[in-house]
Structure formats: structure tokens, C-alpha cells
Amino acid sequence: MQQHSEEGFRTGFIGIVGPPNVGKSTLLNRMIGQKISITSKKPQTTRNRIQGIVNRPGSQLVFIDTPGIHTARSPLNTRIVDTALSVMGDVDVLLLVVDASDADPESEAMLKTALQAQSHPVILALNKIDLIARPSLLSLIAEWSAIYPFKAVVPVSAETGEQVDALLQALSEVLPQGPAFFPEENLTDHSVRFLAGEIVREKVFRQTGEEIPYSVAVTIDLFKEDEKNANLTRIHATIHVERDSQKGILIGKQGSKLGRIGEDARKEIERMLGKRVFLKLYVRVEKNWSKDTRFLSKFGY
């Protein structure tokens, strides 16, 4: 592992927090320059902490993406929010991301309370500035600056990349000094097996409507190189749902929906691995798994 030992090198863990659906995962992928965190228009897509790594001249930034903080009304969502809040105590710097184009007063109030209870440096990213007029942005910056002593307030667009470099620079400046934690070539500490499961779950989110909201978990049952062909990886994945009706919707007429999900996931996993993939998907009903602590633990929540 290459260690940066030059004087003044800065490195540390940065927790990305914010309400649901403000573009945290999109921003993380943009900062890293590659997709490692799944995204969809539906809130609560991110459930597990995702570590992404950005290497810059003079600094290494290790990001922990978290699920959106919101008022939880189910055991699954309670665990999701606990995961996000626990990150706030474990990191060196917090990056608070809010949607400049669409406020979420309830979640933002929870976050303001949580910020007051911790002492790490906090940088605020006002995301989605491509969707608002500049005068309203100035009043938004003033409004947030009056609430908390942020180290910096940076308006950004994760979608277009505007100001993302300025945000990385601001974050680098508040990191503690020390050697890098990871080799320079690493983008994440997650295994490709984990990322493959996340890709399948993202395609389920994108291909299904509200009827399969958050009742989906994905487990990888097989992930191995083909014995006869080193350029082929065989993956078997199970999509777990809570009700028989959801299974029917997910499979679709004559398997059409599941076929599309599999096709989209296979193409993206092939791009990630740089080799051919044989992907087999199964769908299983685990009655009310999102309310069962045994299943929550089994599925990694």
C-alpha cells in the first residue's frame, strides 16, 4: 500500500448526511468519478453505508454515504435512520447535503437538532442549483448560515458537476493531517459482490412503480468465475419481497419485467467487472421481512 508521508497531507472520513432524495448518492458518484452508490428517484434507495474514496493532490477523502434522515415509521426505516445518525459520531467531517430547489422542513429540523449535538466540522452543500434562480440561492445561503457555524457553504449541482471541485477543496481543507488510509487505486472498500447486489436492487427500483416500494432486498447466492471461460462470471441473485402479489408484479407477464431487470443489471455489472456476466435472478417471498429483526440482520440492515 502506498503511503503518503509528505508533510501536510490531509486525510479522514467524511459522513454525507441529509434528508431523503436530495442527491447524496449522485453527488458521491460525481465526486468519485464512477458509480459506486445506487440511485433512483425513490427515497431511501441507500440503505448500507457506502465508502467511496477520492484521492487528490495533498489529500485523501473517504466518504461514507448514508440513507436519508427522516421520521421513521417501521422497523426497517428505524434501522436505516439509526445507521445514518450513528455515522455522525464516527467521522472526522460532516457533509450536510440539502436540496436547494425543494426544502424538506421535517427532515431538515431533525438534522439541525442532530448537528447541535456533535462537534465535528460541518460543510453544507446546497445541491440542485441547476434548478433554481440565483437570487433565491443567495437568500438560501444566508438562511442556512444563520442556523449553524458551517466551515463552508458550497452551492453545487451533482447532476451537472458544477462547483463539485470547489466542494472537494473545501472538504480537503478541514480534514486532519495524516497518511492515507487506502491505496490510491481504491475507489471503495466494498466488494464487487456487494456492488453487484446493489446494482440488481437499483434496477428493481427503476423498473417497478410504487407497488414494490421498499419491500425489496437482494442477496447474492453465487459469484464465481466460469470454470471453462475466465472472461465469464456467473452470478445468481435472489430478490426478496414481502408478498405474493409483489412477486407477480416483479416477474411480470411471462417473465418480461424480471427479464428487463436482469438485462439492465447484467449490462451494468459487465461494465463494472470489464468481462461477460451470466446473471440468473430468483424471486422469493419472505412474509413481512422488513418488520422481522432476523431478516433485517440477514439482509445486512
C-alpha atoms as a PDB file:
ATOM      1  CA  MET A   1       0.000   0.000   0.000  1.00  0.00           C
ATOM      2  CA  GLN A   2       1.314   3.377  -0.997  1.00  0.00           C
ATOM      3  CA  GLN A   3       1.535   5.704   1.994  1.00  0.00           C
ATOM      4  CA  HIS A   4       1.553   9.444   1.515  1.00  0.00           C
ATOM      5  CA  SER A   5       4.077  10.667   4.019  1.00  0.00           C
ATOM      6  CA  GLU A   6       4.680  14.165   2.681  1.00  0.00           C
ATOM      7  CA  GLU A   7       4.278  16.957   5.193  1.00  0.00           C
ATOM      8  CA  GLY A   8       0.825  18.488   5.319  1.00  0.00           C
ATOM      9  CA  PHE A   9      -1.047  15.564   3.727  1.00  0.00           C
ATOM     10  CA  ARG A  10      -4.678  15.513   4.893  1.00  0.00           C
ATOM     11  CA  THR A  11      -6.938  12.508   5.174  1.00  0.00           C
ATOM     12  CA  GLY A  12     -10.090  11.481   7.003  1.00  0.00           C
ATOM     13  CA  PHE A  13     -13.601  10.097   6.973  1.00  0.00           C
ATOM     14  CA  ILE A  14     -16.452  12.301   5.772  1.00  0.00           C
ATOM     15  CA  GLY A  15     -20.062  11.396   6.581  1.00  0.00           C
ATOM     16  CA  ILE A  16     -22.579  12.513   3.940  1.00  0.00           C
ATOM     17  CA  VAL A  17     -25.896  13.256   5.680  1.00  0.00           C
ATOM     18  CA  GLY A  18     -29.150  14.855   4.588  1.00  0.00           C
ATOM     19  CA  PRO A  19     -32.866  14.325   4.039  1.00  0.00           C
ATOM     20  CA  PRO A  20     -34.053  11.596   1.628  1.00  0.00           C
ATOM     21  CA  ASN A  21     -33.826  12.246  -2.105  1.00  0.00           C
ATOM     22  CA  VAL A  22     -31.544  15.294  -2.037  1.00  0.00           C
ATOM     23  CA  GLY A  23     -28.977  13.665  -4.344  1.00  0.00           C
ATOM     24  CA  LYS A  24     -26.395  12.420  -1.814  1.00  0.00           C
ATOM     25  CA  SER A  25     -25.571   9.241  -3.775  1.00  0.00           C
ATOM     26  CA  THR A  26     -25.472  11.121  -7.084  1.00  0.00           C
ATOM     27  CA  LEU A  27     -23.086  13.645  -5.512  1.00  0.00           C
ATOM     28  CA  LEU A  28     -20.879  10.848  -4.131  1.00  0.00           C
ATOM     29  CA  ASN A  29     -20.703   9.171  -7.553  1.00  0.00           C
ATOM     30  CA  ARG A  30     -19.877  12.544  -9.146  1.00  0.00           C
ATOM     31  CA  MET A  31     -17.054  13.267  -6.656  1.00  0.00           C
ATOM     32  CA  ILE A  32     -15.547   9.818  -7.159  1.00  0.00           C
ATOM     33  CA  GLY A  33     -15.978   9.927 -10.918  1.00  0.00           C
ATOM     34  CA  GLN A  34     -17.565   6.482 -11.007  1.00  0.00           C
ATOM     35  CA  LYS A  35     -20.795   4.920  -9.844  1.00  0.00           C
ATOM     36  CA  ILE A  36     -20.438   3.094  -6.535  1.00  0.00           C
ATOM     37  CA  SER A  37     -23.700   4.116  -4.876  1.00  0.00           C
ATOM     38  CA  ILE A  38     -27.084   3.261  -6.343  1.00  0.00           C
ATOM     39  CA  THR A  39     -29.548   5.985  -7.226  1.00  0.00           C
ATOM     40  CA  SER A  40     -33.208   6.223  -8.115  1.00  0.00           C
ATOM     41  CA  LYS A  41     -35.978   8.798  -7.927  1.00  0.00           C
ATOM     42  CA  LYS A  42     -37.447   6.919  -4.959  1.00  0.00           C
ATOM     43  CA  PRO A  43     -36.285   7.942  -1.467  1.00  0.00           C
ATOM     44  CA  GLN A  44     -34.405   5.529   0.799  1.00  0.00           C
ATOM     45  CA  THR A  45     -32.531   3.823  -2.037  1.00  0.00           C
ATOM     46  CA  THR A  46     -29.315   3.889   0.004  1.00  0.00           C
ATOM     47  CA  ARG A  47     -29.537   1.569   2.999  1.00  0.00           C
ATOM     48  CA  ASN A  48     -25.987   0.476   3.786  1.00  0.00           C
ATOM     49  CA  ARG A  49     -23.091   2.788   4.467  1.00  0.00           C
ATOM     50  CA  ILE A  50     -21.155   3.080   1.225  1.00  0.00           C
ATOM     51  CA  GLN A  51     -17.492   4.052   1.399  1.00  0.00           C
ATOM     52  CA  GLY A  52     -16.134   5.929  -1.562  1.00  0.00           C
ATOM     53  CA  ILE A  53     -12.586   7.215  -1.835  1.00  0.00           C
ATOM     54  CA  VAL A  54     -11.342  10.353  -3.597  1.00  0.00           C
ATOM     55  CA  ASN A  55      -7.592  10.925  -3.998  1.00  0.00           C
ATOM     56  CA  ARG A  56      -6.464  14.494  -4.626  1.00  0.00           C
ATOM     57  CA  PRO A  57      -3.024  16.125  -4.611  1.00  0.00           C
ATOM     58  CA  GLY A  58      -2.311  16.505  -0.898  1.00  0.00           C
ATOM     59  CA  SER A  59      -5.406  14.715   0.417  1.00  0.00           C
ATOM     60  CA  GLN A  60      -7.456  11.521   0.521  1.00  0.00           C
ATOM     61  CA  LEU A  61     -11.175  11.864   1.254  1.00  0.00           C
ATOM     62  CA  VAL A  62     -13.038   8.747   2.455  1.00  0.00           C
ATOM     63  CA  PHE A  63     -16.789   9.228   2.094  1.00  0.00           C
ATOM     64  CA  ILE A  64     -19.498   7.353   3.956  1.00  0.00           C
ATOM     65  CA  ASP A  65     -22.840   7.767   2.190  1.00  0.00           C
ATOM     66  CA  THR A  66     -25.841   7.391   4.467  1.00  0.00           C
ATOM     67  CA  PRO A  67     -29.560   6.850   3.999  1.00  0.00           C
ATOM     68  CA  GLY A  68     -31.784   9.940   4.153  1.00  0.00           C
ATOM     69  CA  ILE A  69     -32.679  11.038   7.671  1.00  0.00           C
ATOM     70  CA  HIS A  70     -36.448  11.159   8.122  1.00  0.00           C
ATOM     71  CA  THR A  71     -39.170  10.324  10.644  1.00  0.00           C
ATOM     72  CA  ALA A  72     -39.112   6.518  10.712  1.00  0.00           C
ATOM     73  CA  ARG A  73     -42.383   4.624  10.925  1.00  0.00           C
ATOM     74  CA  SER A  74     -41.274   0.988  10.509  1.00  0.00           C
ATOM     75  CA  PRO A  75     -38.540  -1.278  11.954  1.00  0.00           C
ATOM     76  CA  LEU A  76     -36.643  -1.203   8.615  1.00  0.00           C
ATOM     77  CA  ASN A  77     -36.763   2.593   8.412  1.00  0.00           C
ATOM     78  CA  THR A  78     -35.788   2.900  12.085  1.00  0.00           C
ATOM     79  CA  ARG A  79     -32.649   0.868  11.386  1.00  0.00           C
ATOM     80  CA  ILE A  80     -31.972   2.902   8.255  1.00  0.00           C
ATOM     81  CA  VAL A  81     -32.161   6.201  10.176  1.00  0.00           C
ATOM     82  CA  ASP A  82     -30.115   4.817  13.097  1.00  0.00           C
ATOM     83  CA  THR A  83     -27.401   3.898  10.570  1.00  0.00           C
ATOM     84  CA  ALA A  84     -27.343   7.458   9.247  1.00  0.00           C
ATOM     85  CA  LEU A  85     -27.316   9.108  12.691  1.00  0.00           C
ATOM     86  CA  SER A  86     -24.596   6.784  14.015  1.00  0.00           C
ATOM     87  CA  VAL A  87     -22.252   7.948  11.227  1.00  0.00           C
ATOM     88  CA  MET A  88     -22.319  11.449  12.668  1.00  0.00           C
ATOM     89  CA  GLY A  89     -20.302  10.308  15.672  1.00  0.00           C
ATOM     90  CA  ASP A  90     -17.826   8.154  13.720  1.00  0.00           C
ATOM     91  CA  VAL A  91     -16.329  10.589  11.221  1.00  0.00           C
ATOM     92  CA  ASP A  92     -13.848  13.474  11.059  1.00  0.00           C
ATOM     93  CA  VAL A  93     -16.007  15.830   8.996  1.00  0.00           C
ATOM     94  CA  LEU A  94     -19.707  16.005   8.131  1.00  0.00           C
ATOM     95  CA  LEU A  95     -21.014  16.969   4.697  1.00  0.00           C
ATOM     96  CA  LEU A  96     -24.639  18.058   5.005  1.00  0.00           C
ATOM     97  CA  VAL A  97     -26.446  17.938   1.662  1.00  0.00           C
ATOM     98  CA  VAL A  98     -29.793  19.678   1.201  1.00  0.00           C
ATOM     99  CA  ASP A  99     -31.945  20.235  -1.861  1.00  0.00           C
ATOM    100  CA  ALA A 100     -31.760  23.922  -2.788  1.00  0.00           C
ATOM    101  CA  SER A 101     -34.794  23.547  -5.068  1.00  0.00           C
ATOM    102  CA  ASP A 102     -37.156  21.779  -2.656  1.00  0.00           C
ATOM    103  CA  ALA A 103     -36.991  22.104   1.149  1.00  0.00           C
ATOM    104  CA  ASP A 104     -37.896  19.197   3.457  1.00  0.00           C
ATOM    105  CA  PRO A 105     -38.731  21.016   6.726  1.00  0.00           C
ATOM    106  CA  GLU A 106     -39.380  17.900   8.853  1.00  0.00           C
ATOM    107  CA  SER A 107     -36.116  16.113   7.953  1.00  0.00           C
ATOM    108  CA  GLU A 108     -34.121  19.347   7.987  1.00  0.00           C
ATOM    109  CA  ALA A 109     -35.355  20.069  11.538  1.00  0.00           C
ATOM    110  CA  MET A 110     -34.168  16.592  12.655  1.00  0.00           C
ATOM    111  CA  LEU A 111     -30.771  17.249  11.093  1.00  0.00           C
ATOM    112  CA  LYS A 112     -30.412  20.678  12.692  1.00  0.00           C
ATOM    113  CA  THR A 113     -31.035  19.075  16.110  1.00  0.00           C
ATOM    114  CA  ALA A 114     -28.524  16.286  15.388  1.00  0.00           C
ATOM    115  CA  LEU A 115     -25.892  18.846  14.280  1.00  0.00           C
ATOM    116  CA  GLN A 116     -26.143  20.781  17.537  1.00  0.00           C
ATOM    117  CA  ALA A 117     -25.287  17.599  19.470  1.00  0.00           C
ATOM    118  CA  GLN A 118     -21.937  16.974  17.750  1.00  0.00           C
ATOM    119  CA  SER A 119     -18.632  18.805  17.458  1.00  0.00           C
ATOM    120  CA  HIS A 120     -17.143  17.774  14.078  1.00  0.00           C
ATOM    121  CA  PRO A 121     -16.557  20.413  11.382  1.00  0.00           C
ATOM    122  CA  VAL A 122     -19.585  20.605   9.059  1.00  0.00           C
ATOM    123  CA  ILE A 123     -19.673  21.745   5.436  1.00  0.00           C
ATOM    124  CA  LEU A 124     -23.014  22.453   3.792  1.00  0.00           C
ATOM    125  CA  ALA A 125     -23.633  21.565   0.128  1.00  0.00           C
ATOM    126  CA  LEU A 126     -26.721  23.190  -1.374  1.00  0.00           C
ATOM    127  CA  ASN A 127     -27.428  20.725  -4.174  1.00  0.00           C
ATOM    128  CA  LYS A 128     -29.530  21.039  -7.365  1.00  0.00           C
ATOM    129  CA  ILE A 129     -28.587  24.677  -8.003  1.00  0.00           C
ATOM    130  CA  ASP A 130     -29.203  23.962 -11.693  1.00  0.00           C
ATOM    131  CA  LEU A 131     -32.930  24.008 -10.819  1.00  0.00           C
ATOM    132  CA  ILE A 132     -33.172  27.419  -9.106  1.00  0.00           C
ATOM    133  CA  ALA A 133     -32.717  31.117  -9.855  1.00  0.00           C
ATOM    134  CA  ARG A 134     -29.584  32.768  -8.432  1.00  0.00           C
ATOM    135  CA  PRO A 135     -31.333  35.397  -6.247  1.00  0.00           C
ATOM    136  CA  SER A 136     -33.171  32.695  -4.282  1.00  0.00           C
ATOM    137  CA  LEU A 137     -29.843  30.864  -3.846  1.00  0.00           C
ATOM    138  CA  LEU A 138     -28.332  33.897  -2.092  1.00  0.00           C
ATOM    139  CA  SER A 139     -31.205  34.096   0.399  1.00  0.00           C
ATOM    140  CA  LEU A 140     -30.924  30.335   1.000  1.00  0.00           C
ATOM    141  CA  ILE A 141     -27.191  30.653   1.792  1.00  0.00           C
ATOM    142  CA  ALA A 142     -27.958  33.477   4.256  1.00  0.00           C
ATOM    143  CA  GLU A 143     -30.787  31.470   5.850  1.00  0.00           C
ATOM    144  CA  TRP A 144     -28.641  28.352   6.439  1.00  0.00           C
ATOM    145  CA  SER A 145     -25.591  30.340   7.543  1.00  0.00           C
ATOM    146  CA  ALA A 146     -27.673  31.871  10.348  1.00  0.00           C
ATOM    147  CA  ILE A 147     -28.624  28.400  11.649  1.00  0.00           C
ATOM    148  CA  TYR A 148     -25.198  26.821  12.182  1.00  0.00           C
ATOM    149  CA  PRO A 149     -21.497  27.818  12.029  1.00  0.00           C
ATOM    150  CA  PHE A 150     -20.640  25.814   8.887  1.00  0.00           C
ATOM    151  CA  LYS A 151     -16.957  25.757   7.882  1.00  0.00           C
ATOM    152  CA  ALA A 152     -18.138  26.483   4.339  1.00  0.00           C
ATOM    153  CA  VAL A 153     -21.394  26.677   2.384  1.00  0.00           C
ATOM    154  CA  VAL A 154     -20.937  25.459  -1.195  1.00  0.00           C
ATOM    155  CA  PRO A 155     -23.731  25.575  -3.806  1.00  0.00           C
ATOM    156  CA  VAL A 156     -23.334  22.578  -6.165  1.00  0.00           C
ATOM    157  CA  SER A 157     -25.054  20.561  -8.853  1.00  0.00           C
ATOM    158  CA  ALA A 158     -24.374  16.822  -8.592  1.00  0.00           C
ATOM    159  CA  GLU A 159     -26.226  16.453 -11.903  1.00  0.00           C
ATOM    160  CA  THR A 160     -24.005  18.799 -13.949  1.00  0.00           C
ATOM    161  CA  GLY A 161     -20.842  18.708 -11.806  1.00  0.00           C
ATOM    162  CA  GLU A 162     -20.916  22.496 -11.226  1.00  0.00           C
ATOM    163  CA  GLN A 163     -18.871  23.548  -8.163  1.00  0.00           C
ATOM    164  CA  VAL A 164     -18.081  19.925  -7.189  1.00  0.00           C
ATOM    165  CA  ASP A 165     -14.327  20.647  -7.328  1.00  0.00           C
ATOM    166  CA  ALA A 166     -14.840  23.637  -5.025  1.00  0.00           C
ATOM    167  CA  LEU A 167     -16.693  21.357  -2.595  1.00  0.00           C
ATOM    168  CA  LEU A 168     -13.854  18.778  -2.635  1.00  0.00           C
ATOM    169  CA  GLN A 169     -11.355  21.573  -1.992  1.00  0.00           C
ATOM    170  CA  ALA A 170     -13.378  22.912   0.960  1.00  0.00           C
ATOM    171  CA  LEU A 171     -13.630  19.405   2.446  1.00  0.00           C
ATOM    172  CA  SER A 172      -9.889  18.753   1.968  1.00  0.00           C
ATOM    173  CA  GLU A 173      -9.025  21.907   3.903  1.00  0.00           C
ATOM    174  CA  VAL A 174     -10.841  20.790   7.085  1.00  0.00           C
ATOM    175  CA  LEU A 175      -9.538  17.202   7.186  1.00  0.00           C
ATOM    176  CA  PRO A 176      -6.968  16.292   9.847  1.00  0.00           C
ATOM    177  CA  GLN A 177      -3.343  15.760   8.807  1.00  0.00           C
ATOM    178  CA  GLY A 178      -2.100  12.187   8.448  1.00  0.00           C
ATOM    179  CA  PRO A 179      -1.166   9.425   5.992  1.00  0.00           C
ATOM    180  CA  ALA A 180      -3.663   7.928   3.508  1.00  0.00           C
ATOM    181  CA  PHE A 181      -5.858   5.069   4.731  1.00  0.00           C
ATOM    182  CA  PHE A 182      -6.227   3.314   1.357  1.00  0.00           C
ATOM    183  CA  PRO A 183      -4.057   2.646  -1.730  1.00  0.00           C
ATOM    184  CA  GLU A 184      -4.504   5.285  -4.423  1.00  0.00           C
ATOM    185  CA  GLU A 185      -6.211   2.924  -6.873  1.00  0.00           C
ATOM    186  CA  ASN A 186      -9.069   2.088  -4.472  1.00  0.00           C
ATOM    187  CA  LEU A 187     -12.431   3.764  -5.120  1.00  0.00           C
ATOM    188  CA  THR A 188     -14.402   1.868  -2.465  1.00  0.00           C
ATOM    189  CA  ASP A 189     -13.874  -0.686   0.286  1.00  0.00           C
ATOM    190  CA  HIS A 190     -16.918  -2.687  -0.826  1.00  0.00           C
ATOM    191  CA  SER A 191     -16.515  -5.984  -2.649  1.00  0.00           C
ATOM    192  CA  VAL A 192     -17.711  -6.298  -6.252  1.00  0.00           C
ATOM    193  CA  ARG A 193     -20.096  -8.977  -4.932  1.00  0.00           C
ATOM    194  CA  PHE A 194     -21.808  -6.373  -2.701  1.00  0.00           C
ATOM    195  CA  LEU A 195     -21.900  -3.821  -5.545  1.00  0.00           C
ATOM    196  CA  ALA A 196     -23.462  -6.404  -7.906  1.00  0.00           C
ATOM    197  CA  GLY A 197     -26.304  -6.936  -5.406  1.00  0.00           C
ATOM    198  CA  GLU A 198     -26.790  -3.164  -5.125  1.00  0.00           C
ATOM    199  CA  ILE A 199     -26.984  -2.855  -8.931  1.00  0.00           C
ATOM    200  CA  VAL A 200     -29.720  -5.517  -9.078  1.00  0.00           C
ATOM    201  CA  ARG A 201     -31.632  -3.673  -6.329  1.00  0.00           C
ATOM    202  CA  GLU A 202     -31.321  -0.371  -8.178  1.00  0.00           C
ATOM    203  CA  LYS A 203     -32.765  -1.901 -11.363  1.00  0.00           C
ATOM    204  CA  VAL A 204     -35.724  -3.239  -9.351  1.00  0.00           C
ATOM    205  CA  PHE A 205     -36.329   0.293  -8.040  1.00  0.00           C
ATOM    206  CA  ARG A 206     -36.117   1.765 -11.514  1.00  0.00           C
ATOM    207  CA  GLN A 207     -38.297  -0.829 -13.257  1.00  0.00           C
ATOM    208  CA  THR A 208     -41.114  -1.031 -10.699  1.00  0.00           C
ATOM    209  CA  GLY A 209     -43.625   1.553  -9.552  1.00  0.00           C
ATOM    210  CA  GLU A 210     -44.829   2.394  -6.085  1.00  0.00           C
ATOM    211  CA  GLU A 211     -46.277  -1.092  -5.680  1.00  0.00           C
ATOM    212  CA  ILE A 212     -42.822  -2.552  -4.896  1.00  0.00           C
ATOM    213  CA  PRO A 213     -41.666   0.339  -2.757  1.00  0.00           C
ATOM    214  CA  TYR A 214     -39.072  -0.683  -0.227  1.00  0.00           C
ATOM    215  CA  SER A 215     -40.081  -4.298   0.244  1.00  0.00           C
ATOM    216  CA  VAL A 216     -37.068  -5.483  -1.727  1.00  0.00           C
ATOM    217  CA  ALA A 217     -33.758  -6.910  -0.543  1.00  0.00           C
ATOM    218  CA  VAL A 218     -31.174  -8.657  -2.742  1.00  0.00           C
ATOM    219  CA  THR A 219     -28.793 -11.443  -1.742  1.00  0.00           C
ATOM    220  CA  ILE A 220     -26.012 -12.843  -3.936  1.00  0.00           C
ATOM    221  CA  ASP A 221     -26.075 -16.652  -3.796  1.00  0.00           C
ATOM    222  CA  LEU A 222     -23.308 -17.365  -6.331  1.00  0.00           C
ATOM    223  CA  PHE A 223     -20.490 -15.173  -7.644  1.00  0.00           C
ATOM    224  CA  LYS A 224     -17.733 -17.088  -9.406  1.00  0.00           C
ATOM    225  CA  GLU A 225     -15.595 -17.198 -12.492  1.00  0.00           C
ATOM    226  CA  ASP A 226     -16.719 -19.755 -15.052  1.00  0.00           C
ATOM    227  CA  GLU A 227     -14.551 -22.892 -14.884  1.00  0.00           C
ATOM    228  CA  LYS A 228     -14.076 -23.094 -18.648  1.00  0.00           C
ATOM    229  CA  ASN A 229     -14.011 -19.373 -19.523  1.00  0.00           C
ATOM    230  CA  ALA A 230     -12.025 -16.888 -17.384  1.00  0.00           C
ATOM    231  CA  ASN A 231     -13.731 -13.990 -19.177  1.00  0.00           C
ATOM    232  CA  LEU A 232     -17.163 -15.019 -17.845  1.00  0.00           C
ATOM    233  CA  THR A 233     -18.507 -14.523 -14.310  1.00  0.00           C
ATOM    234  CA  ARG A 234     -21.576 -16.447 -13.158  1.00  0.00           C
ATOM    235  CA  ILE A 235     -23.862 -14.651 -10.696  1.00  0.00           C
ATOM    236  CA  HIS A 236     -27.047 -15.941  -9.070  1.00  0.00           C
ATOM    237  CA  ALA A 237     -29.066 -13.375  -7.109  1.00  0.00           C
ATOM    238  CA  THR A 238     -32.289 -13.652  -5.137  1.00  0.00           C
ATOM    239  CA  ILE A 239     -34.707 -10.728  -4.938  1.00  0.00           C
ATOM    240  CA  HIS A 240     -36.670 -10.984  -1.689  1.00  0.00           C
ATOM    241  CA  VAL A 241     -40.149  -9.423  -1.477  1.00  0.00           C
ATOM    242  CA  GLU A 242     -42.825  -9.440   1.238  1.00  0.00           C
ATOM    243  CA  ARG A 243     -45.986 -10.570  -0.565  1.00  0.00           C
ATOM    244  CA  ASP A 244     -47.041 -12.952  -3.347  1.00  0.00           C
ATOM    245  CA  SER A 245     -48.632 -10.047  -5.218  1.00  0.00           C
ATOM    246  CA  GLN A 246     -45.254  -8.273  -5.285  1.00  0.00           C
ATOM    247  CA  LYS A 247     -43.615 -11.398  -6.667  1.00  0.00           C
ATOM    248  CA  GLY A 248     -46.114 -11.433  -9.518  1.00  0.00           C
ATOM    249  CA  ILE A 249     -45.523  -7.766 -10.328  1.00  0.00           C
ATOM    250  CA  LEU A 250     -41.753  -8.217 -10.212  1.00  0.00           C
ATOM    251  CA  ILE A 251     -41.792 -11.210 -12.561  1.00  0.00           C
ATOM    252  CA  GLY A 252     -44.296  -9.584 -14.936  1.00  0.00           C
ATOM    253  CA  LYS A 253     -46.218 -11.101 -17.817  1.00  0.00           C
ATOM    254  CA  GLN A 254     -44.357 -14.237 -18.971  1.00  0.00           C
ATOM    255  CA  GLY A 255     -41.302 -13.061 -17.008  1.00  0.00           C
ATOM    256  CA  SER A 256     -40.984  -9.826 -19.003  1.00  0.00           C
ATOM    257  CA  LYS A 257     -40.351  -7.455 -16.067  1.00  0.00           C
ATOM    258  CA  LEU A 258     -37.769  -9.710 -14.424  1.00  0.00           C
ATOM    259  CA  GLY A 259     -36.124 -10.140 -17.831  1.00  0.00           C
ATOM    260  CA  ARG A 260     -35.715  -6.363 -18.218  1.00  0.00           C
ATOM    261  CA  ILE A 261     -34.354  -6.013 -14.675  1.00  0.00           C
ATOM    262  CA  GLY A 262     -31.856  -8.814 -15.345  1.00  0.00           C
ATOM    263  CA  GLU A 263     -30.785  -7.373 -18.694  1.00  0.00           C
ATOM    264  CA  ASP A 264     -30.177  -3.870 -17.283  1.00  0.00           C
ATOM    265  CA  ALA A 265     -28.321  -5.239 -14.243  1.00  0.00           C
ATOM    266  CA  ARG A 266     -26.189  -7.618 -16.323  1.00  0.00           C
ATOM    267  CA  LYS A 267     -25.021  -4.813 -18.656  1.00  0.00           C
ATOM    268  CA  GLU A 268     -24.026  -2.577 -15.744  1.00  0.00           C
ATOM    269  CA  ILE A 269     -22.249  -5.373 -13.851  1.00  0.00           C
ATOM    270  CA  GLU A 270     -20.356  -6.236 -17.068  1.00  0.00           C
ATOM    271  CA  ARG A 271     -19.201  -2.604 -17.311  1.00  0.00           C
ATOM    272  CA  MET A 272     -18.077  -2.697 -13.681  1.00  0.00           C
ATOM    273  CA  LEU A 273     -16.203  -6.008 -13.998  1.00  0.00           C
ATOM    274  CA  GLY A 274     -14.895  -5.473 -17.528  1.00  0.00           C
ATOM    275  CA  LYS A 275     -15.944  -9.014 -18.517  1.00  0.00           C
ATOM    276  CA  ARG A 276     -19.001 -11.002 -19.590  1.00  0.00           C
ATOM    277  CA  VAL A 277     -21.597 -11.910 -16.975  1.00  0.00           C
ATOM    278  CA  PHE A 278     -24.189 -14.676 -16.815  1.00  0.00           C
ATOM    279  CA  LEU A 279     -26.819 -13.370 -14.363  1.00  0.00           C
ATOM    280  CA  LYS A 280     -29.639 -15.561 -13.054  1.00  0.00           C
ATOM    281  CA  LEU A 281     -32.334 -13.911 -10.924  1.00  0.00           C
ATOM    282  CA  TYR A 282     -34.727 -15.611  -8.499  1.00  0.00           C
ATOM    283  CA  VAL A 283     -37.643 -14.048  -6.619  1.00  0.00           C
ATOM    284  CA  ARG A 284     -38.609 -15.254  -3.132  1.00  0.00           C
ATOM    285  CA  VAL A 285     -41.396 -14.206  -0.805  1.00  0.00           C
ATOM    286  CA  GLU A 286     -40.299 -13.644   2.798  1.00  0.00           C
ATOM    287  CA  LYS A 287     -43.518 -12.561   4.525  1.00  0.00           C
ATOM    288  CA  ASN A 288     -43.142  -9.086   6.063  1.00  0.00           C
ATOM    289  CA  TRP A 289     -39.340  -9.340   6.209  1.00  0.00           C
ATOM    290  CA  SER A 290     -38.909  -5.573   6.730  1.00  0.00           C
ATOM    291  CA  LYS A 291     -40.642  -5.893  10.128  1.00  0.00           C
ATOM    292  CA  ASP A 292     -38.691  -9.003  11.208  1.00  0.00           C
ATOM    293  CA  THR A 293     -35.401  -8.336  13.013  1.00  0.00           C
ATOM    294  CA  ARG A 294     -33.989 -11.741  11.957  1.00  0.00           C
ATOM    295  CA  PHE A 295     -34.407 -10.914   8.270  1.00  0.00           C
ATOM    296  CA  LEU A 296     -33.172  -7.340   8.772  1.00  0.00           C
ATOM    297  CA  SER A 297     -29.934  -8.757  10.205  1.00  0.00           C
ATOM    298  CA  LYS A 298     -29.681 -11.449   7.499  1.00  0.00           C
ATOM    299  CA  PHE A 299     -30.036  -8.813   4.773  1.00  0.00           C
ATOM    300  CA  GLY A 300     -27.406  -6.590   6.377  1.00  0.00           C
ATOM    301  CA  TYR A 301     -29.540  -3.850   7.977  1.00  0.00           C
END
